[in-house]
């Protein structure tokens, strides 16, 4: 699937449709840099640093995989509600690295904290704030089980700190989003604005992910930045809710990674008044904007699935419950047979029927109605009288496809997003480490 680069280059392009570059705006209180530590041996950017000079409230959700990255283990050990920096590396997942991986982070955090403290001392007079190692978060993505490149990363920390910029223009955002990619073919960026009382609040988000993508966050990273003043406890509640209907609604290959992380950071630059709980009406506009932003990024990940040519929405309606609808939707979306049919532009609705059945949910065959887009293919336990193979084949040529399953059993509904399964997916993952 192609992305319109011209949209990214337009001076006043802030909001866009899913899959197009967006011009992210500055977030007051945030500084960003990205450099190459030559982790790939190609000179591409592979380290990113996000620095909050005055600190930031944050919240994060992590993979549910029982084996997780040492970077996630480090983050969970901090137990702070506010931090000063986030460092992201690619090429190496820092997973199954044992004590070497964790000790590497300890060493890197000390070096980074020292360099950031020295930078602050040079920039201001009087008392200098001391950045502590346990005020730094980490995220890693890449190959599992390889020795963590501690020394290479440490050697590039002075340059990474030196290049920090507090004016995030579109190219800095593009550079940072590109630096966290692995098999991605393009960076993922999204922007939203909302009202918080009388204040205009900004939300900027970047993400990476292309393969090993399944509910429970897939092999993906996403970082959201806002200038709103929201306590960490409420950020956590809002983030978990937004993730459940965005990143946890996507699947590329049904595999859940060891490194998944979605985090939101609030620089607190716009004092929005006291918030009493996560259901405070003042948060509603922010909550909606956060969900739109995460869903945008989630869809961009699916559209960039490894080898993907088709973006596919599987929508289940009128189920007995939302849980039933969700189970059936993913049963269809995760089917390799269904996904290969999408790749071959074959309207093989029998594979949809198969997916419904293997979910284990009890359905009424004489009630099921299946549509490909607006084209009805099955109803009342048989092929539809309106079935038109010629029109279906034309529809299957589209880049974006909708498969709707109407169970006619209740009011539950769910929508998940996937992509087709092409030869390129096999080729990419057969040679992933090279």
Protein backbone atom coordinates (compact mmCIF):
# COMPACT_ATOMS: atom_id res chain seq x y z
CA UNK A 1 0.00 0.00 0.00
CA UNK A 2 1.29 3.42 -0.90
CA UNK A 3 1.42 6.54 1.18
CA UNK A 4 1.12 9.99 -0.26
CA UNK A 5 4.42 11.65 0.63
CA UNK A 6 3.22 14.95 -0.86
CA UNK A 7 0.70 15.19 1.99
CA UNK A 8 3.57 15.08 4.46
CA UNK A 9 5.40 17.84 2.67
CA UNK A 10 2.48 20.27 2.61
CA UNK A 11 3.08 23.17 4.98
CA UNK A 12 -0.35 23.23 6.57
CA UNK A 13 -1.31 19.56 6.47
CA UNK A 14 -2.07 18.61 10.09
CA UNK A 15 -4.97 16.21 9.91
CA UNK A 16 -5.26 13.45 7.39
CA UNK A 17 -6.86 10.14 6.60
CA UNK A 18 -5.42 6.89 7.89
CA UNK A 19 -2.24 5.91 6.12
CA UNK A 20 -1.12 9.39 5.11
CA UNK A 21 1.70 11.35 6.69
CA UNK A 22 0.62 13.99 9.15
CA UNK A 23 2.44 17.13 10.12
CA UNK A 24 2.93 16.75 13.84
CA UNK A 25 3.14 19.90 15.92
CA UNK A 26 5.53 20.93 18.69
CA UNK A 27 4.94 19.58 22.19
CA UNK A 28 6.09 22.09 24.78
CA UNK A 29 8.45 20.47 27.31
CA UNK A 30 9.70 17.76 24.91
CA UNK A 31 13.09 17.49 23.20
CA UNK A 32 13.84 14.88 20.52
CA UNK A 33 16.88 13.43 18.75
CA UNK A 34 17.75 10.40 16.62
CA UNK A 35 21.18 9.11 15.53
CA UNK A 36 22.89 6.03 14.17
CA UNK A 37 24.82 3.73 16.50
CA UNK A 38 25.45 1.59 13.41
CA UNK A 39 23.53 -1.31 14.96
CA UNK A 40 22.51 -2.38 11.44
CA UNK A 41 25.94 -1.78 9.93
CA UNK A 42 24.33 0.46 7.33
CA UNK A 43 24.47 3.88 8.96
CA UNK A 44 20.68 4.21 9.28
CA UNK A 45 19.25 5.90 12.40
CA UNK A 46 18.66 3.27 15.09
CA UNK A 47 18.62 5.23 18.37
CA UNK A 48 16.03 7.77 19.48
CA UNK A 49 15.90 9.92 22.60
CA UNK A 50 12.89 11.76 24.01
CA UNK A 51 13.83 14.13 26.84
CA UNK A 52 11.51 15.95 29.23
CA UNK A 53 13.54 18.74 30.78
CA UNK A 54 11.00 19.42 33.52
CA UNK A 55 9.85 15.82 33.74
CA UNK A 56 6.67 14.20 32.45
CA UNK A 57 3.87 12.14 33.91
CA UNK A 58 3.59 8.86 32.06
CA UNK A 59 1.70 5.61 31.77
CA UNK A 60 2.47 2.49 29.77
CA UNK A 61 1.00 -0.86 28.83
CA UNK A 62 3.22 -3.78 27.92
CA UNK A 63 3.06 -7.13 26.15
CA UNK A 64 1.21 -10.01 27.73
CA UNK A 65 3.83 -12.43 26.45
CA UNK A 66 5.23 -14.32 29.47
CA UNK A 67 8.73 -13.81 28.03
CA UNK A 68 9.46 -10.11 27.73
CA UNK A 69 12.29 -7.74 26.94
CA UNK A 70 14.78 -6.71 29.63
CA UNK A 71 13.84 -3.16 28.66
CA UNK A 72 10.29 -3.81 29.84
CA UNK A 73 11.61 -5.49 32.99
CA UNK A 74 13.66 -2.36 33.65
CA UNK A 75 10.65 -0.06 33.13
CA UNK A 76 8.48 -2.09 35.49
CA UNK A 77 11.18 -1.97 38.16
CA UNK A 78 11.27 1.84 38.23
CA UNK A 79 7.85 2.29 39.85
CA UNK A 80 7.75 6.04 39.21
CA UNK A 81 4.88 8.17 38.02
CA UNK A 82 7.12 10.77 36.38
CA UNK A 83 10.30 10.37 34.32
CA UNK A 84 12.87 12.51 32.50
CA UNK A 85 13.72 10.53 29.36
CA UNK A 86 12.89 7.64 27.05
CA UNK A 87 15.55 5.94 24.91
CA UNK A 88 14.57 3.59 22.07
CA UNK A 89 16.88 1.25 20.16
CA UNK A 90 16.13 -0.94 17.17
CA UNK A 91 17.91 -4.01 15.62
CA UNK A 92 18.15 -5.75 19.05
CA UNK A 93 15.11 -6.76 21.13
CA UNK A 94 17.10 -7.13 24.38
CA UNK A 95 15.04 -10.26 25.01
CA UNK A 96 16.43 -13.56 26.28
CA UNK A 97 19.69 -11.76 27.00
CA UNK A 98 19.76 -12.68 30.71
CA UNK A 99 21.70 -10.52 33.14
CA UNK A 100 23.80 -9.04 30.31
CA UNK A 101 20.78 -7.26 28.85
CA UNK A 102 19.59 -5.80 32.14
CA UNK A 103 23.08 -4.83 33.28
CA UNK A 104 23.56 -3.17 29.90
CA UNK A 105 20.59 -0.93 30.61
CA UNK A 106 21.97 -0.09 34.04
CA UNK A 107 25.23 1.00 32.43
CA UNK A 108 23.51 2.94 29.65
CA UNK A 109 21.16 4.70 32.08
CA UNK A 110 24.11 5.94 34.16
CA UNK A 111 25.91 7.26 31.10
CA UNK A 112 22.78 8.90 29.72
CA UNK A 113 21.84 10.44 33.09
CA UNK A 114 25.37 11.88 33.43
CA UNK A 115 25.33 13.39 29.93
CA UNK A 116 21.87 14.91 30.39
CA UNK A 117 22.89 16.39 33.76
CA UNK A 118 26.03 17.95 32.26
CA UNK A 119 23.95 19.40 29.44
CA UNK A 120 21.59 21.00 31.94
CA UNK A 121 24.51 22.42 33.91
CA UNK A 122 25.81 24.10 30.75
CA UNK A 123 22.41 25.57 29.85
CA UNK A 124 21.40 27.20 33.13
CA UNK A 125 22.85 29.13 36.02
CA UNK A 126 22.43 28.29 39.68
CA UNK A 127 21.23 24.92 40.92
CA UNK A 128 21.37 22.17 38.33
CA UNK A 129 18.83 19.38 38.42
CA UNK A 130 20.46 15.97 38.58
CA UNK A 131 18.93 13.35 36.28
CA UNK A 132 18.89 9.93 37.91
CA UNK A 133 19.23 6.57 36.11
CA UNK A 134 15.84 5.44 37.44
CA UNK A 135 14.19 8.42 35.73
CA UNK A 136 14.93 6.91 32.29
CA UNK A 137 12.70 4.47 30.41
CA UNK A 138 13.81 2.12 27.64
CA UNK A 139 12.20 0.46 24.64
CA UNK A 140 13.88 -2.08 22.36
CA UNK A 141 12.84 -3.86 19.19
CA UNK A 142 14.56 -6.25 16.80
CA UNK A 143 16.10 -9.71 16.95
CA UNK A 144 15.49 -11.87 20.03
CA UNK A 145 18.34 -13.69 21.79
CA UNK A 146 21.33 -11.73 20.51
CA UNK A 147 23.81 -10.02 22.85
CA UNK A 148 22.65 -6.51 23.70
CA UNK A 149 24.99 -3.90 22.08
CA UNK A 150 25.64 -1.94 25.26
CA UNK A 151 28.98 -0.45 24.23
CA UNK A 152 27.82 0.72 20.80
CA UNK A 153 24.86 2.49 22.36
CA UNK A 154 26.94 4.11 25.12
CA UNK A 155 29.47 5.43 22.60
CA UNK A 156 26.71 7.33 20.80
CA UNK A 157 25.00 8.84 23.85
CA UNK A 158 27.02 12.13 23.76
CA UNK A 159 25.95 12.73 20.14
CA UNK A 160 22.36 11.70 20.92
CA UNK A 161 22.21 14.24 23.77
CA UNK A 162 24.00 16.95 21.79
CA UNK A 163 21.43 16.67 18.97
CA UNK A 164 18.38 17.12 21.21
CA UNK A 165 16.02 19.76 19.83
CA UNK A 166 13.03 21.35 21.57
CA UNK A 167 11.54 22.62 18.29
CA UNK A 168 10.05 19.49 16.73
CA UNK A 169 9.42 20.28 13.10
CA UNK A 170 7.96 17.67 10.77
CA UNK A 171 11.38 16.40 9.73
CA UNK A 172 12.47 15.75 13.32
CA UNK A 173 9.25 13.81 13.91
CA UNK A 174 9.81 11.92 10.67
CA UNK A 175 13.42 11.17 11.63
CA UNK A 176 12.51 9.90 15.11
CA UNK A 177 9.65 7.74 13.79
CA UNK A 178 11.97 6.29 11.13
CA UNK A 179 14.69 5.49 13.67
CA UNK A 180 12.50 2.98 15.55
CA UNK A 181 11.51 0.92 12.48
CA UNK A 182 12.57 -2.68 11.83
CA UNK A 183 10.88 -4.36 8.86
CA UNK A 184 8.52 -1.39 8.48
CA UNK A 185 8.46 0.12 5.02
CA UNK A 186 7.46 3.53 6.32
CA UNK A 187 7.22 5.46 9.61
CA UNK A 188 3.90 5.82 11.40
CA UNK A 189 2.88 9.27 12.66
CA UNK A 190 -0.43 10.74 13.85
CA UNK A 191 -1.65 14.02 15.29
CA UNK A 192 -4.77 15.15 17.13
CA UNK A 193 -6.01 18.29 18.84
CA UNK A 194 -8.69 18.60 21.49
CA UNK A 195 -10.18 20.97 24.01
CA UNK A 196 -9.39 20.70 27.70
CA UNK A 197 -11.52 23.31 29.31
CA UNK A 198 -10.59 26.49 27.42
CA UNK A 199 -7.21 25.15 26.36
CA UNK A 200 -6.21 23.70 23.00
CA UNK A 201 -4.33 20.49 23.72
CA UNK A 202 -1.98 18.69 21.33
CA UNK A 203 -1.33 14.96 21.00
CA UNK A 204 1.50 13.64 18.84
CA UNK A 205 2.10 9.94 18.29
CA UNK A 206 4.59 7.69 16.52
CA UNK A 207 4.62 3.91 16.19
CA UNK A 208 6.46 1.02 14.60
CA UNK A 209 5.24 -2.42 13.69
CA UNK A 210 4.91 -4.59 10.64
CA UNK A 211 5.20 -8.28 11.60
CA UNK A 212 4.60 -10.37 14.71
CA UNK A 213 1.43 -8.34 15.18
CA UNK A 214 -1.51 -9.73 17.16
CA UNK A 215 -3.77 -8.62 20.01
CA UNK A 216 -1.90 -7.95 23.22
CA UNK A 217 0.05 -5.43 21.23
CA UNK A 218 2.02 -7.42 18.63
CA UNK A 219 5.71 -6.56 17.92
CA UNK A 220 5.11 -2.90 18.06
CA UNK A 221 6.11 0.22 19.88
CA UNK A 222 4.10 3.40 20.17
CA UNK A 223 4.80 6.63 21.99
CA UNK A 224 2.28 9.39 22.57
CA UNK A 225 3.16 12.91 23.73
CA UNK A 226 0.81 15.60 25.01
CA UNK A 227 1.19 19.00 26.63
CA UNK A 228 -1.85 18.48 28.88
CA UNK A 229 -1.51 18.31 32.66
CA UNK A 230 -2.95 14.91 33.53
CA UNK A 231 -1.87 12.78 36.51
CA UNK A 232 -0.30 9.40 35.71
CA UNK A 233 -3.07 7.43 37.37
CA UNK A 234 -5.64 8.87 34.96
CA UNK A 235 -3.31 8.57 31.97
CA UNK A 236 -3.07 4.85 32.77
CA UNK A 237 -6.83 4.40 32.79
CA UNK A 238 -7.33 6.36 29.57
CA UNK A 239 -4.49 4.54 27.81
CA UNK A 240 -5.67 1.04 28.69
CA UNK A 241 -9.15 1.85 27.43
CA UNK A 242 -7.88 3.38 24.19
CA UNK A 243 -5.50 0.47 23.53
CA UNK A 244 -8.26 -2.12 23.92
CA UNK A 245 -10.12 -0.75 20.90
CA UNK A 246 -7.13 0.20 18.77
CA UNK A 247 -3.84 -1.68 19.04
CA UNK A 248 -5.60 -4.70 20.50
CA UNK A 249 -7.99 -4.73 17.54
CA UNK A 250 -5.32 -5.52 14.97
CA UNK A 251 -3.63 -8.68 13.73
CA UNK A 252 -1.09 -9.31 10.99
CA UNK A 253 0.00 -12.85 11.76
CA UNK A 254 -1.53 -13.80 15.15
CA UNK A 255 1.87 -13.69 16.89
CA UNK A 256 2.37 -11.67 20.08
CA UNK A 257 5.86 -10.27 20.57
CA UNK A 258 8.08 -10.00 23.63
CA UNK A 259 8.68 -6.27 23.35
CA UNK A 260 5.32 -4.59 22.92
CA UNK A 261 4.98 -1.22 24.55
CA UNK A 262 2.60 1.69 24.30
CA UNK A 263 3.38 4.70 26.46
CA UNK A 264 1.91 8.17 26.87
CA UNK A 265 3.80 11.15 28.27
CA UNK A 266 2.26 14.36 29.63
CA UNK A 267 4.61 17.35 29.86
CA UNK A 268 2.10 19.27 32.04
CA UNK A 269 2.70 22.54 30.22
CA UNK A 270 -1.00 23.42 30.05
CA UNK A 271 -2.40 23.52 33.55
CA UNK A 272 -5.91 22.29 33.05
CA UNK A 273 -7.17 22.43 36.62
CA UNK A 274 -7.77 19.59 39.04
CA UNK A 275 -9.00 16.31 37.58
CA UNK A 276 -10.88 14.23 40.12
CA UNK A 277 -11.03 10.87 38.34
CA UNK A 278 -10.68 9.19 34.95
CA UNK A 279 -14.38 9.75 34.29
CA UNK A 280 -14.16 13.51 34.84
CA UNK A 281 -16.16 15.19 32.02
CA UNK A 282 -13.18 17.48 31.39
CA UNK A 283 -11.26 14.46 30.10
CA UNK A 284 -13.87 13.34 27.57
CA UNK A 285 -12.58 15.32 24.58
CA UNK A 286 -9.03 14.22 25.39
CA UNK A 287 -10.14 10.60 25.69
CA UNK A 288 -11.80 10.71 22.26
CA UNK A 289 -8.76 12.34 20.68
CA UNK A 290 -6.45 9.73 22.21
CA UNK A 291 -8.59 6.91 20.84
CA UNK A 292 -8.63 8.46 17.34
CA UNK A 293 -4.86 8.86 17.40
CA UNK A 294 -4.16 5.29 18.56
CA UNK A 295 -6.63 3.83 16.07
CA UNK A 296 -4.97 5.82 13.28
CA UNK A 297 -1.55 4.43 14.24
CA UNK A 298 -2.94 0.90 14.64
CA UNK A 299 -4.42 0.97 11.15
CA UNK A 300 -1.16 2.28 9.74
CA UNK A 301 0.63 -0.72 11.27
CA UNK A 302 -1.79 -3.17 9.66
CA UNK A 303 -1.58 -1.41 6.29
CA UNK A 304 2.20 -1.84 6.52
CA UNK A 305 2.01 -5.51 7.50
CA UNK A 306 4.97 -7.45 6.19
CA UNK A 307 4.31 -8.02 2.50
CA UNK A 308 0.77 -6.65 2.78
CA UNK A 309 -1.12 -5.44 -0.27
CA UNK A 310 -4.63 -5.33 1.24
CA UNK A 311 -6.03 -3.66 4.34
CA UNK A 312 -8.95 -5.79 5.58
CA UNK A 313 -11.65 -4.89 8.11
CA UNK A 314 -13.59 -7.81 9.61
CA UNK A 315 -16.79 -6.52 11.18
CA UNK A 316 -19.16 -8.75 13.18
CA UNK A 317 -22.56 -7.32 14.07
CA UNK A 318 -25.67 -8.46 15.92
CA UNK A 319 -23.89 -11.08 18.02
CA UNK A 320 -25.13 -12.18 21.44
CA UNK A 321 -22.35 -10.14 23.06
CA UNK A 322 -19.32 -8.06 22.17
CA UNK A 323 -17.08 -10.88 23.38
CA UNK A 324 -18.75 -13.30 20.95
CA UNK A 325 -18.37 -10.81 18.10
CA UNK A 326 -14.70 -10.26 18.95
CA UNK A 327 -13.94 -13.98 19.09
CA UNK A 328 -15.51 -14.61 15.69
CA UNK A 329 -13.90 -11.54 14.10
CA UNK A 330 -10.42 -12.65 15.11
CA UNK A 331 -11.13 -16.26 14.20
CA UNK A 332 -11.71 -15.10 10.63
CA UNK A 333 -8.99 -12.43 10.56
CA UNK A 334 -6.27 -14.78 11.86
CA UNK A 335 -7.02 -17.56 9.38
CA UNK A 336 -4.09 -18.06 6.95
CA UNK A 337 -6.57 -19.46 4.42
CA UNK A 338 -8.74 -16.34 4.63
CA UNK A 339 -5.72 -14.04 4.42
CA UNK A 340 -4.25 -15.84 1.40
CA UNK A 341 -7.63 -15.61 -0.34
CA UNK A 342 -7.49 -11.85 0.22
CA UNK A 343 -4.00 -11.79 -1.28
CA UNK A 344 -5.19 -13.70 -4.33
CA UNK A 345 -8.22 -11.40 -4.71
CA UNK A 346 -10.42 -14.48 -4.42
CA UNK A 347 -13.89 -13.81 -2.90
CA UNK A 348 -13.82 -17.23 -1.21
CA UNK A 349 -16.52 -16.62 1.38
CA UNK A 350 -16.39 -20.28 2.37
CA UNK A 351 -13.26 -19.40 4.33
CA UNK A 352 -15.27 -16.81 6.23
CA UNK A 353 -17.82 -19.50 7.06
CA UNK A 354 -14.97 -21.75 8.20
CA UNK A 355 -13.59 -19.00 10.44
CA UNK A 356 -16.98 -18.42 12.05
CA UNK A 357 -17.33 -22.13 12.78
CA UNK A 358 -13.85 -22.69 14.21
CA UNK A 359 -14.39 -19.90 16.74
CA UNK A 360 -16.39 -22.37 18.83
CA UNK A 361 -19.26 -19.92 19.21
CA UNK A 362 -22.79 -21.23 18.68
CA UNK A 363 -24.44 -19.59 15.69
CA UNK A 364 -27.63 -20.12 13.69
CA UNK A 365 -26.75 -21.04 10.12
CA UNK A 366 -30.12 -19.92 8.76
CA UNK A 367 -29.55 -16.41 10.16
CA UNK A 368 -25.97 -15.66 9.08
CA UNK A 369 -25.54 -12.96 6.45
CA UNK A 370 -22.14 -12.21 4.90
CA UNK A 371 -21.19 -9.19 2.79
CA UNK A 372 -18.00 -8.27 0.96
CA UNK A 373 -18.32 -4.50 0.98
CA UNK A 374 -21.91 -3.83 -0.07
CA UNK A 375 -22.12 -7.11 -1.96
CA UNK A 376 -24.16 -9.85 -0.27
CA UNK A 377 -22.61 -13.32 -0.72
CA UNK A 378 -24.47 -15.55 1.76
CA UNK A 379 -27.74 -15.50 3.70
CA UNK A 380 -30.26 -17.89 5.26
CA UNK A 381 -27.84 -20.80 5.34
CA UNK A 382 -26.91 -20.70 1.65
CA UNK A 383 -25.41 -18.64 -1.14
CA UNK A 384 -27.28 -15.38 -1.64
CA UNK A 385 -29.68 -14.92 -4.52
CA UNK A 386 -27.86 -11.61 -5.10
CA UNK A 387 -24.47 -13.27 -5.49
CA UNK A 388 -22.55 -11.78 -8.42
CA UNK A 389 -19.09 -13.29 -9.00
CA UNK A 390 -18.10 -10.62 -11.54
CA UNK A 391 -18.85 -7.72 -9.18
CA UNK A 392 -17.09 -9.52 -6.33
CA UNK A 393 -13.92 -10.01 -8.35
CA UNK A 394 -13.92 -6.30 -9.17
CA UNK A 395 -14.38 -5.43 -5.51
CA UNK A 396 -11.47 -7.70 -4.48
CA UNK A 397 -9.10 -5.54 -6.52
CA UNK A 398 -9.52 -2.72 -4.00
CA UNK A 399 -6.67 -1.95 -1.58
CA UNK A 400 -9.08 -1.72 1.36
CA UNK A 401 -11.69 -4.45 1.91
CA UNK A 402 -14.61 -4.85 4.34
CA UNK A 403 -15.96 -8.25 5.35
CA UNK A 404 -19.20 -7.93 7.34
CA UNK A 405 -20.73 -10.85 9.25
CA UNK A 406 -24.27 -10.34 10.52
CA UNK A 407 -25.19 -13.07 13.02
CA UNK A 408 -28.71 -11.71 13.76
CA UNK A 409 -28.59 -13.01 17.35
CA UNK A 410 -28.34 -9.87 19.47
CA UNK A 411 -26.74 -6.44 19.69
CA UNK A 412 -23.06 -7.24 20.23
CA UNK A 413 -20.55 -6.00 17.66
CA UNK A 414 -16.81 -5.83 17.12
CA UNK A 415 -14.45 -4.66 14.40
CA UNK A 416 -10.90 -5.85 13.91
CA UNK A 417 -8.30 -5.02 11.29
CA UNK A 418 -5.92 -7.27 9.41
CA UNK A 419 -4.11 -7.59 6.08
CA UNK A 420 -3.58 -10.17 3.41
CA UNK A 421 -0.91 -12.89 3.55
CA UNK A 422 1.47 -12.74 0.59
CA UNK A 423 4.63 -14.50 -0.58
CA UNK A 424 6.56 -11.45 0.58
CA UNK A 425 5.62 -12.16 4.21
CA UNK A 426 7.32 -15.55 3.95
CA UNK A 427 10.38 -14.09 2.23
CA UNK A 428 10.79 -11.32 4.84
CA UNK A 429 10.54 -13.64 7.83
CA UNK A 430 12.59 -16.41 6.28
CA UNK A 431 15.49 -13.97 6.17
CA UNK A 432 14.67 -11.69 9.13
CA UNK A 433 18.09 -11.70 10.79
CA UNK A 434 19.90 -10.75 7.61
